[in-house]
C-alpha atoms as a PDB file:
ATOM      1  CA  MET A   1      95.404  72.426  33.436  1.00  0.00           C
ATOM      2  CA  VAL A   2      98.990  71.127  33.312  1.00  0.00           C
ATOM      3  CA  GLY A   3      98.962  71.519  29.528  1.00  0.00           C
ATOM      4  CA  ILE A   4      97.708  75.091  29.817  1.00  0.00           C
ATOM      5  CA  ARG A   5     100.449  75.921  32.344  1.00  0.00           C
ATOM      6  CA  LYS A   6     103.114  74.509  29.973  1.00  0.00           C
ATOM      7  CA  VAL A   7     101.808  76.636  27.108  1.00  0.00           C
ATOM      8  CA  GLN A   8     101.747  79.724  29.323  1.00  0.00           C
ATOM      9  CA  HIS A   9     105.274  78.948  30.517  1.00  0.00           C
ATOM     10  CA  ARG A  10     106.511  78.611  26.929  1.00  0.00           C
ATOM     11  CA  LYS A  11     104.852  81.930  26.047  1.00  0.00           C
ATOM     12  CA  PHE A  12     106.498  83.585  29.061  1.00  0.00           C
ATOM     13  CA  ILE A  13     109.919  82.227  28.044  1.00  0.00           C
ATOM     14  CA  THR A  14     109.319  83.418  24.487  1.00  0.00           C
ATOM     15  CA  VAL A  15     108.484  86.923  25.726  1.00  0.00           C
ATOM     16  CA  LEU A  16     111.661  86.978  27.838  1.00  0.00           C
ATOM     17  CA  VAL A  17     113.773  85.873  24.872  1.00  0.00           C
ATOM     18  CA  VAL A  18     112.212  88.540  22.638  1.00  0.00           C
ATOM     19  CA  LEU A  19     112.794  91.229  25.278  1.00  0.00           C
ATOM     20  CA  ALA A  20     116.399  90.080  25.684  1.00  0.00           C
ATOM     21  CA  LEU A  21     116.936  90.271  21.923  1.00  0.00           C
ATOM     22  CA  ILE A  22     115.391  93.733  21.779  1.00  0.00           C
ATOM     23  CA  THR A  23     117.578  94.905  24.674  1.00  0.00           C
ATOM     24  CA  ALA A  24     120.690  93.458  23.051  1.00  0.00           C
ATOM     25  CA  GLY A  25     119.717  95.076  19.778  1.00  0.00           C
ATOM     26  CA  LEU A  26     119.268  98.464  21.414  1.00  0.00           C
ATOM     27  CA  ALA A  27     122.606  98.133  23.186  1.00  0.00           C
ATOM     28  CA  ALA A  28     124.307  97.243  19.917  1.00  0.00           C
ATOM     29  CA  TRP A  29     122.589 100.154  18.192  1.00  0.00           C
ATOM     30  CA  TRP A  30     123.742 102.557  20.918  1.00  0.00           C
ATOM     31  CA  TYR A  31     127.303 101.247  20.694  1.00  0.00           C
ATOM     32  CA  ILE A  32     127.356 101.627  16.912  1.00  0.00           C
ATOM     33  CA  GLU A  33     125.686 105.041  17.135  1.00  0.00           C
ATOM     34  CA  SER A  34     128.201 106.272  19.703  1.00  0.00           C
ATOM     35  CA  LYS A  35     131.065 105.114  17.470  1.00  0.00           C
ATOM     36  CA  ARG A  36     129.863 106.904  14.365  1.00  0.00           C
ATOM     37  CA  ASP A  37     132.408 109.228  12.797  1.00  0.00           C
ATOM     38  CA  ASP A  38     129.860 112.031  12.447  1.00  0.00           C
ATOM     39  CA  ILE A  39     129.252 112.515  16.203  1.00  0.00           C
ATOM     40  CA  LEU A  40     131.553 114.518  18.465  1.00  0.00           C
ATOM     41  CA  VAL A  41     131.079 114.235  22.229  1.00  0.00           C
ATOM     42  CA  LEU A  42     132.001 117.532  23.911  1.00  0.00           C
ATOM     43  CA  ALA A  43     132.308 117.545  27.720  1.00  0.00           C
ATOM     44  CA  THR A  44     132.203 121.095  28.981  1.00  0.00           C
ATOM     45  CA  THR A  45     131.510 123.235  32.008  1.00  0.00           C
ATOM     46  CA  THR A  46     127.991 124.495  32.650  1.00  0.00           C
ATOM     47  CA  SER A  47     129.130 128.100  32.212  1.00  0.00           C
ATOM     48  CA  THR A  48     129.842 127.705  28.493  1.00  0.00           C
ATOM     49  CA  TYR A  49     126.445 126.035  28.155  1.00  0.00           C
ATOM     50  CA  ASP A  50     124.382 128.340  30.402  1.00  0.00           C
ATOM     51  CA  SER A  51     125.898 131.448  28.826  1.00  0.00           C
ATOM     52  CA  GLY A  52     124.498 130.461  25.420  1.00  0.00           C
ATOM     53  CA  LEU A  53     127.942 130.613  23.783  1.00  0.00           C
ATOM     54  CA  LEU A  54     127.826 127.055  22.475  1.00  0.00           C
ATOM     55  CA  ASP A  55     124.445 127.623  20.849  1.00  0.00           C
ATOM     56  CA  GLU A  56     126.054 130.571  19.092  1.00  0.00           C
ATOM     57  CA  ILE A  57     129.219 128.946  17.758  1.00  0.00           C
ATOM     58  CA  VAL A  58     128.790 125.139  17.619  1.00  0.00           C
ATOM     59  CA  PRO A  59     126.418 125.145  14.589  1.00  0.00           C
ATOM     60  CA  ASP A  60     129.339 126.529  12.565  1.00  0.00           C
ATOM     61  CA  PHE A  61     131.462 123.501  13.502  1.00  0.00           C
ATOM     62  CA  GLU A  62     128.641 121.101  12.687  1.00  0.00           C
ATOM     63  CA  GLU A  63     128.062 122.699   9.289  1.00  0.00           C
ATOM     64  CA  THR A  64     131.762 123.006   8.440  1.00  0.00           C
ATOM     65  CA  TYR A  65     132.631 119.398   9.291  1.00  0.00           C
ATOM     66  CA  GLY A  66     129.274 117.743   8.539  1.00  0.00           C
ATOM     67  CA  VAL A  67     128.961 116.301  12.041  1.00  0.00           C
ATOM     68  CA  ARG A  68     126.708 116.499  15.072  1.00  0.00           C
ATOM     69  CA  VAL A  69     128.023 117.700  18.433  1.00  0.00           C
ATOM     70  CA  LYS A  70     126.665 115.989  21.543  1.00  0.00           C
ATOM     71  CA  THR A  71     127.274 118.402  24.428  1.00  0.00           C
ATOM     72  CA  ILE A  72     127.493 117.183  28.020  1.00  0.00           C
ATOM     73  CA  ALA A  73     127.515 120.120  30.452  1.00  0.00           C
ATOM     74  CA  MET A  74     128.816 119.463  33.970  1.00  0.00           C
ATOM     75  CA  GLY A  75     131.471 120.553  36.425  1.00  0.00           C
ATOM     76  CA  THR A  76     135.087 120.613  35.288  1.00  0.00           C
ATOM     77  CA  GLY A  77     136.074 117.676  37.514  1.00  0.00           C
ATOM     78  CA  GLN A  78     133.275 115.541  36.089  1.00  0.00           C
ATOM     79  CA  ALA A  79     134.101 116.581  32.520  1.00  0.00           C
ATOM     80  CA  LEU A  80     137.738 115.560  32.964  1.00  0.00           C
ATOM     81  CA  GLU A  81     136.610 112.242  34.449  1.00  0.00           C
ATOM     82  CA  LEU A  82     134.515 111.593  31.338  1.00  0.00           C
ATOM     83  CA  GLY A  83     137.664 112.127  29.319  1.00  0.00           C
ATOM     84  CA  ARG A  84     139.622 109.696  31.496  1.00  0.00           C
ATOM     85  CA  ASN A  85     136.933 107.093  30.938  1.00  0.00           C
ATOM     86  CA  GLY A  86     136.944 107.620  27.176  1.00  0.00           C
ATOM     87  CA  ASP A  87     133.350 108.920  27.224  1.00  0.00           C
ATOM     88  CA  ALA A  88     134.206 112.275  25.612  1.00  0.00           C
ATOM     89  CA  ASP A  89     136.234 113.241  22.565  1.00  0.00           C
ATOM     90  CA  VAL A  90     137.153 116.788  23.577  1.00  0.00           C
ATOM     91  CA  ILE A  91     137.044 118.823  26.810  1.00  0.00           C
ATOM     92  CA  LEU A  92     136.293 122.563  27.173  1.00  0.00           C
ATOM     93  CA  VAL A  93     136.683 123.616  30.815  1.00  0.00           C
ATOM     94  CA  HIS A  94     138.209 126.213  33.161  1.00  0.00           C
ATOM     95  CA  ALA A  95     140.572 124.826  35.779  1.00  0.00           C
ATOM     96  CA  PRO A  96     144.066 125.227  34.235  1.00  0.00           C
ATOM     97  CA  GLU A  97     146.010 123.224  36.828  1.00  0.00           C
ATOM     98  CA  ARG A  98     143.594 120.289  36.574  1.00  0.00           C
ATOM     99  CA  GLU A  99     143.723 120.525  32.766  1.00  0.00           C
ATOM    100  CA  GLU A 100     147.524 120.450  32.708  1.00  0.00           C
ATOM    101  CA  GLU A 101     147.527 117.400  34.996  1.00  0.00           C
ATOM    102  CA  PHE A 102     145.058 115.715  32.632  1.00  0.00           C
ATOM    103  CA  VAL A 103     147.480 116.214  29.714  1.00  0.00           C
ATOM    104  CA  GLU A 104     150.564 115.245  31.739  1.00  0.00           C
ATOM    105  CA  GLU A 105     148.878 112.006  32.784  1.00  0.00           C
ATOM    106  CA  GLY A 106     148.428 111.122  29.116  1.00  0.00           C
ATOM    107  CA  TYR A 107     144.654 111.510  28.910  1.00  0.00           C
ATOM    108  CA  GLY A 108     144.788 114.668  26.795  1.00  0.00           C
ATOM    109  CA  LYS A 109     146.884 115.210  23.662  1.00  0.00           C
ATOM    110  CA  TYR A 110     147.513 118.909  24.388  1.00  0.00           C
ATOM    111  CA  ARG A 111     145.797 121.978  25.813  1.00  0.00           C
ATOM    112  CA  TYR A 112     145.038 125.216  23.987  1.00  0.00           C
ATOM    113  CA  GLU A 113     143.924 128.360  25.767  1.00  0.00           C
ATOM    114  CA  VAL A 114     140.655 129.578  24.233  1.00  0.00           C
ATOM    115  CA  MET A 115     139.125 132.537  26.094  1.00  0.00           C
ATOM    116  CA  TYR A 116     138.676 134.144  29.483  1.00  0.00           C
ATOM    117  CA  ASN A 117     136.357 136.226  31.602  1.00  0.00           C
ATOM    118  CA  GLU A 118     136.306 136.656  35.373  1.00  0.00           C
ATOM    119  CA  PHE A 119     134.693 135.275  38.462  1.00  0.00           C
ATOM    120  CA  VAL A 120     132.510 137.699  40.408  1.00  0.00           C
ATOM    121  CA  LEU A 121     130.977 137.679  43.876  1.00  0.00           C
ATOM    122  CA  VAL A 122     127.228 138.273  43.797  1.00  0.00           C
ATOM    123  CA  GLY A 123     124.738 138.710  46.596  1.00  0.00           C
ATOM    124  CA  PRO A 124     121.565 140.479  47.788  1.00  0.00           C
ATOM    125  CA  GLU A 125     121.057 144.045  46.615  1.00  0.00           C
ATOM    126  CA  ASP A 126     121.555 145.496  50.112  1.00  0.00           C
ATOM    127  CA  ASP A 127     124.874 143.612  50.553  1.00  0.00           C
ATOM    128  CA  PRO A 128     124.446 142.772  54.267  1.00  0.00           C
ATOM    129  CA  ALA A 129     128.048 141.492  54.550  1.00  0.00           C
ATOM    130  CA  GLY A 130     129.474 144.749  53.190  1.00  0.00           C
ATOM    131  CA  VAL A 131     131.423 142.926  50.499  1.00  0.00           C
ATOM    132  CA  ARG A 132     131.207 145.848  48.102  1.00  0.00           C
ATOM    133  CA  GLY A 133     133.712 147.944  50.059  1.00  0.00           C
ATOM    134  CA  SER A 134     136.445 145.289  50.124  1.00  0.00           C
ATOM    135  CA  GLN A 135     139.937 146.211  48.944  1.00  0.00           C
ATOM    136  CA  ASP A 136     140.651 142.730  47.583  1.00  0.00           C
ATOM    137  CA  VAL A 137     138.966 139.349  47.252  1.00  0.00           C
ATOM    138  CA  SER A 138     140.508 137.996  50.474  1.00  0.00           C
ATOM    139  CA  GLU A 139     138.935 140.843  52.414  1.00  0.00           C
ATOM    140  CA  ALA A 140     135.615 140.116  50.684  1.00  0.00           C
ATOM    141  CA  PHE A 141     135.717 136.490  51.861  1.00  0.00           C
ATOM    142  CA  ASN A 142     136.699 137.580  55.366  1.00  0.00           C
ATOM    143  CA  ARG A 143     133.652 139.843  55.466  1.00  0.00           C
ATOM    144  CA  LEU A 144     131.450 136.941  54.416  1.00  0.00           C
ATOM    145  CA  TYR A 145     132.820 134.825  57.254  1.00  0.00           C
ATOM    146  CA  GLU A 146     132.535 137.612  59.824  1.00  0.00           C
ATOM    147  CA  ASN A 147     128.844 138.030  58.949  1.00  0.00           C
ATOM    148  CA  ARG A 148     128.047 134.303  58.793  1.00  0.00           C
ATOM    149  CA  GLY A 149     125.457 134.671  61.532  1.00  0.00           C
ATOM    150  CA  SER A 150     123.216 136.778  59.322  1.00  0.00           C
ATOM    151  CA  ILE A 151     123.970 135.725  55.714  1.00  0.00           C
ATOM    152  CA  THR A 152     123.830 132.675  53.453  1.00  0.00           C
ATOM    153  CA  PHE A 153     126.565 131.593  51.053  1.00  0.00           C
ATOM    154  CA  CYS A 154     125.669 129.201  48.235  1.00  0.00           C
ATOM    155  CA  SER A 155     128.517 127.033  46.974  1.00  0.00           C
ATOM    156  CA  ARG A 156     128.301 124.877  43.872  1.00  0.00           C
ATOM    157  CA  GLY A 157     129.932 122.048  45.813  1.00  0.00           C
ATOM    158  CA  ASP A 158     130.393 120.001  42.643  1.00  0.00           C
ATOM    159  CA  ASP A 159     134.152 119.948  41.908  1.00  0.00           C
ATOM    160  CA  SER A 160     133.578 122.374  39.043  1.00  0.00           C
ATOM    161  CA  GLY A 161     136.062 125.016  37.930  1.00  0.00           C
ATOM    162  CA  THR A 162     134.082 127.591  39.912  1.00  0.00           C
ATOM    163  CA  HIS A 163     134.007 125.382  43.008  1.00  0.00           C
ATOM    164  CA  ILE A 164     137.754 124.758  42.723  1.00  0.00           C
ATOM    165  CA  LYS A 165     138.330 128.526  42.529  1.00  0.00           C
ATOM    166  CA  GLU A 166     136.042 129.153  45.507  1.00  0.00           C
ATOM    167  CA  ILE A 167     137.992 126.674  47.665  1.00  0.00           C
ATOM    168  CA  GLU A 168     141.224 128.373  46.611  1.00  0.00           C
ATOM    169  CA  LEU A 169     139.846 131.797  47.573  1.00  0.00           C
ATOM    170  CA  TRP A 170     138.740 130.628  51.031  1.00  0.00           C
ATOM    171  CA  GLU A 171     142.178 129.095  51.622  1.00  0.00           C
ATOM    172  CA  ASP A 172     143.986 132.216  50.379  1.00  0.00           C
ATOM    173  CA  ALA A 173     141.883 134.290  52.781  1.00  0.00           C
ATOM    174  CA  GLY A 174     143.213 132.182  55.662  1.00  0.00           C
ATOM    175  CA  PHE A 175     140.363 129.717  56.198  1.00  0.00           C
ATOM    176  CA  ASP A 176     140.209 125.928  56.249  1.00  0.00           C
ATOM    177  CA  HIS A 177     137.592 125.195  53.587  1.00  0.00           C
ATOM    178  CA  ASP A 178     136.940 121.668  54.858  1.00  0.00           C
ATOM    179  CA  GLU A 179     136.014 123.165  58.216  1.00  0.00           C
ATOM    180  CA  ILE A 180     133.738 125.766  56.591  1.00  0.00           C
ATOM    181  CA  ASP A 181     132.104 123.033  54.535  1.00  0.00           C
ATOM    182  CA  SER A 182     131.388 120.964  57.657  1.00  0.00           C
ATOM    183  CA  GLN A 183     127.981 120.340  59.176  1.00  0.00           C
ATOM    184  CA  ALA A 184     128.791 122.884  61.893  1.00  0.00           C
ATOM    185  CA  HIS A 185     128.495 125.688  59.333  1.00  0.00           C
ATOM    186  CA  SER A 186     125.505 124.356  57.394  1.00  0.00           C
ATOM    187  CA  HIS A 187     123.232 127.077  58.799  1.00  0.00           C
ATOM    188  CA  TRP A 188     124.909 129.610  56.507  1.00  0.00           C
ATOM    189  CA  TYR A 189     127.192 127.702  54.084  1.00  0.00           C
ATOM    190  CA  LYS A 190     125.129 125.710  51.600  1.00  0.00           C
ATOM    191  CA  SER A 191     127.048 123.149  49.521  1.00  0.00           C
ATOM    192  CA  LEU A 192     124.534 122.462  46.764  1.00  0.00           C
ATOM    193  CA  GLY A 193     126.136 120.022  44.336  1.00  0.00           C
ATOM    194  CA  GLN A 194     124.500 122.022  41.531  1.00  0.00           C
ATOM    195  CA  GLY A 195     125.484 123.678  38.263  1.00  0.00           C
ATOM    196  CA  MET A 196     126.088 127.422  38.091  1.00  0.00           C
ATOM    197  CA  GLY A 197     122.629 128.356  36.891  1.00  0.00           C
ATOM    198  CA  ASP A 198     120.860 126.422  39.651  1.00  0.00           C
ATOM    199  CA  THR A 199     123.286 127.745  42.260  1.00  0.00           C
ATOM    200  CA  LEU A 200     122.474 131.316  41.251  1.00  0.00           C
ATOM    201  CA  ARG A 201     118.751 130.581  41.345  1.00  0.00           C
ATOM    202  CA  THR A 202     119.094 129.158  44.853  1.00  0.00           C
ATOM    203  CA  ALA A 203     121.150 132.153  46.022  1.00  0.00           C
ATOM    204  CA  ASN A 204     118.471 134.425  44.592  1.00  0.00           C
ATOM    205  CA  GLU A 205     115.736 132.559  46.474  1.00  0.00           C
ATOM    206  CA  LEU A 206     117.678 132.560  49.758  1.00  0.00           C
ATOM    207  CA  ASP A 207     119.002 136.143  49.497  1.00  0.00           C
ATOM    208  CA  GLY A 208     122.439 134.585  49.554  1.00  0.00           C
ATOM    209  CA  TYR A 209     125.903 135.210  48.169  1.00  0.00           C
ATOM    210  CA  ALA A 210     127.676 133.095  45.549  1.00  0.00           C
ATOM    211  CA  LEU A 211     130.838 133.010  43.483  1.00  0.00           C
ATOM    212  CA  THR A 212     129.974 132.783  39.799  1.00  0.00           C
ATOM    213  CA  ASP A 213     131.547 133.146  36.410  1.00  0.00           C
ATOM    214  CA  GLU A 214     130.524 136.455  34.895  1.00  0.00           C
ATOM    215  CA  ALA A 215     129.033 134.889  31.766  1.00  0.00           C
ATOM    216  CA  THR A 216     126.403 132.809  33.559  1.00  0.00           C
ATOM    217  CA  TYR A 217     125.390 135.710  35.797  1.00  0.00           C
ATOM    218  CA  ILE A 218     124.908 138.049  32.832  1.00  0.00           C
ATOM    219  CA  SER A 219     122.935 135.461  30.876  1.00  0.00           C
ATOM    220  CA  LEU A 220     120.600 134.861  33.864  1.00  0.00           C
ATOM    221  CA  LYS A 221     120.525 138.416  35.231  1.00  0.00           C
ATOM    222  CA  GLU A 222     116.815 138.950  34.652  1.00  0.00           C
ATOM    223  CA  GLU A 223     115.957 135.596  36.213  1.00  0.00           C
ATOM    224  CA  VAL A 224     118.092 136.263  39.319  1.00  0.00           C
ATOM    225  CA  SER A 225     117.232 139.937  39.584  1.00  0.00           C
ATOM    226  CA  GLY A 226     117.653 139.912  43.370  1.00  0.00           C
ATOM    227  CA  LEU A 227     121.418 139.452  42.988  1.00  0.00           C
ATOM    228  CA  ASP A 228     123.956 142.168  42.226  1.00  0.00           C
ATOM    229  CA  ILE A 229     127.691 141.982  41.574  1.00  0.00           C
ATOM    230  CA  HIS A 230     129.350 143.228  44.767  1.00  0.00           C
ATOM    231  CA  PHE A 231     132.977 142.375  44.070  1.00  0.00           C
ATOM    232  CA  SER A 232     134.982 141.950  40.853  1.00  0.00           C
ATOM    233  CA  GLY A 233     138.198 143.058  39.218  1.00  0.00           C
ATOM    234  CA  ASP A 234     140.782 141.343  41.431  1.00  0.00           C
ATOM    235  CA  GLN A 235     143.458 139.551  39.378  1.00  0.00           C
ATOM    236  CA  GLU A 236     142.789 136.436  41.489  1.00  0.00           C
ATOM    237  CA  LEU A 237     139.366 136.223  39.836  1.00  0.00           C
ATOM    238  CA  PHE A 238     140.800 135.702  36.346  1.00  0.00           C
ATOM    239  CA  ASN A 239     138.940 132.803  34.681  1.00  0.00           C
ATOM    240  CA  GLN A 240     140.767 131.038  31.843  1.00  0.00           C
ATOM    241  CA  TYR A 241     139.157 128.389  29.620  1.00  0.00           C
ATOM    242  CA  GLY A 242     141.060 125.680  27.766  1.00  0.00           C
ATOM    243  CA  VAL A 243     140.281 123.013  25.161  1.00  0.00           C
ATOM    244  CA  ILE A 244     141.808 119.510  25.251  1.00  0.00           C
ATOM    245  CA  PRO A 245     141.363 116.721  22.676  1.00  0.00           C
ATOM    246  CA  VAL A 246     141.187 113.407  24.542  1.00  0.00           C
ATOM    247  CA  CYS A 247     144.003 110.984  23.679  1.00  0.00           C
ATOM    248  CA  GLU A 248     142.833 107.859  21.856  1.00  0.00           C
ATOM    249  CA  ASN A 249     145.775 105.871  23.264  1.00  0.00           C
ATOM    250  CA  MET A 250     143.991 105.780  26.623  1.00  0.00           C
ATOM    251  CA  ASN A 251     140.716 104.503  25.214  1.00  0.00           C
ATOM    252  CA  PRO A 252     139.971 103.198  21.685  1.00  0.00           C
ATOM    253  CA  ASN A 253     136.409 104.562  21.848  1.00  0.00           C
ATOM    254  CA  VAL A 254     137.648 108.151  21.601  1.00  0.00           C
ATOM    255  CA  ASN A 255     137.100 109.927  18.281  1.00  0.00           C
ATOM    256  CA  ASN A 256     140.414 111.736  18.469  1.00  0.00           C
ATOM    257  CA  GLU A 257     140.345 112.991  14.877  1.00  0.00           C
ATOM    258  CA  LEU A 258     137.134 114.952  15.486  1.00  0.00           C
ATOM    259  CA  GLY A 259     138.397 116.081  18.883  1.00  0.00           C
ATOM    260  CA  GLU A 260     141.504 117.591  17.323  1.00  0.00           C
ATOM    261  CA  GLU A 261     139.458 119.195  14.568  1.00  0.00           C
ATOM    262  CA  PHE A 262     137.260 120.842  17.205  1.00  0.00           C
ATOM    263  CA  ALA A 263     140.309 122.128  19.088  1.00  0.00           C
ATOM    264  CA  SER A 264     141.821 123.590  15.920  1.00  0.00           C
ATOM    265  CA  TRP A 265     138.466 125.074  14.943  1.00  0.00           C
ATOM    266  CA  ILE A 266     137.760 126.846  18.261  1.00  0.00           C
ATOM    267  CA  VAL A 267     141.159 128.570  18.282  1.00  0.00           C
ATOM    268  CA  SER A 268     140.910 129.618  14.629  1.00  0.00           C
ATOM    269  CA  GLU A 269     140.760 133.334  13.878  1.00  0.00           C
ATOM    270  CA  GLU A 270     137.184 133.109  12.598  1.00  0.00           C
ATOM    271  CA  VAL A 271     135.812 131.399  15.706  1.00  0.00           C
ATOM    272  CA  GLN A 272     137.881 133.560  18.035  1.00  0.00           C
ATOM    273  CA  ASP A 273     136.154 136.551  16.436  1.00  0.00           C
ATOM    274  CA  MET A 274     132.771 134.875  17.035  1.00  0.00           C
ATOM    275  CA  ILE A 275     133.652 134.450  20.718  1.00  0.00           C
ATOM    276  CA  ASP A 276     134.825 138.061  21.019  1.00  0.00           C
ATOM    277  CA  ASN A 277     131.628 139.313  19.421  1.00  0.00           C
ATOM    278  CA  TYR A 278     129.237 137.254  21.550  1.00  0.00           C
ATOM    279  CA  ILE A 279     127.205 139.831  23.477  1.00  0.00           C
ATOM    280  CA  ILE A 280     124.232 139.596  25.857  1.00  0.00           C
ATOM    281  CA  ASP A 281     122.247 142.761  26.597  1.00  0.00           C
ATOM    282  CA  GLY A 282     125.114 144.883  25.318  1.00  0.00           C
ATOM    283  CA  GLU A 283     127.719 143.138  27.521  1.00  0.00           C
ATOM    284  CA  LYS A 284     130.684 141.201  26.203  1.00  0.00           C
ATOM    285  CA  ILE A 285     130.751 137.713  27.746  1.00  0.00           C
ATOM    286  CA  PHE A 286     134.161 136.272  26.893  1.00  0.00           C
ATOM    287  CA  THR A 287     137.481 137.590  25.587  1.00  0.00           C
ATOM    288  CA  ALA A 288     139.168 135.258  23.094  1.00  0.00           C
ATOM    289  CA  ASN A 289     142.880 134.671  23.751  1.00  0.00           C
ATOM    290  CA  ALA A 290     143.853 131.504  21.892  1.00  0.00           C
ATOM    291  CA  GLN A 291     147.470 130.499  22.286  1.00  0.00           C
ATOM    292  CA  ILE A 292     148.760 127.479  20.373  1.00  0.00           C
END
């Protein structure tokens, strides 16, 4: 019996060693794969992804440069953090002040403006808060707050460009956003920690209001058919997107050459025309406005 146990023990140790070698091999393969010169890691906001724009234009970059683009869609704050950690080669997001800080801190080489659309306030068809009659966006947010006893507001709550803008709009309307986001207001203010598409779906299910970028709303309009645009057009709702190649000096893992090529490509006249001509159901989604 002792001999059998020794044999079984040796076999067990052998299995562990083999598994360790396999794991190490996979880790090495992933490291080598992630360092390949023909892969670009693009960290971007969910709105560029959910709108379908990237599916429309990125294949041109891949074909032109003979590379593969790995897209990671998340909130702007998370995308910038990936860049800080050296886990992305280029950033395409929409929070200009955060983007400029990213470059000033040395994480980004430079920032080019790429395109814009606008944020819009959507809600149930019958507009129970009366947002539609507002003179400006601050009045619209005041009407939401005044009717908090009978409405639901769905916030992304994810440090995205849209969430950053929403906080700004509450503050500009005279409210303390931290107080609104507290447990005391959870009966009507829902901080979801979700991307734009999922936030719109939740608002649709709850007959709630939400701030959204226009592109994602248009692309999902049939799916969230219970939501209408009730307020738009205020200059405070302007939504600018920028591209930033991540600086390799901050992290040697960054493929800065490809990141810069992507930045130059997306602001080129040809790709700017592709962005301008991207249409869903007859509606223009973005307006290209590259400035170098």
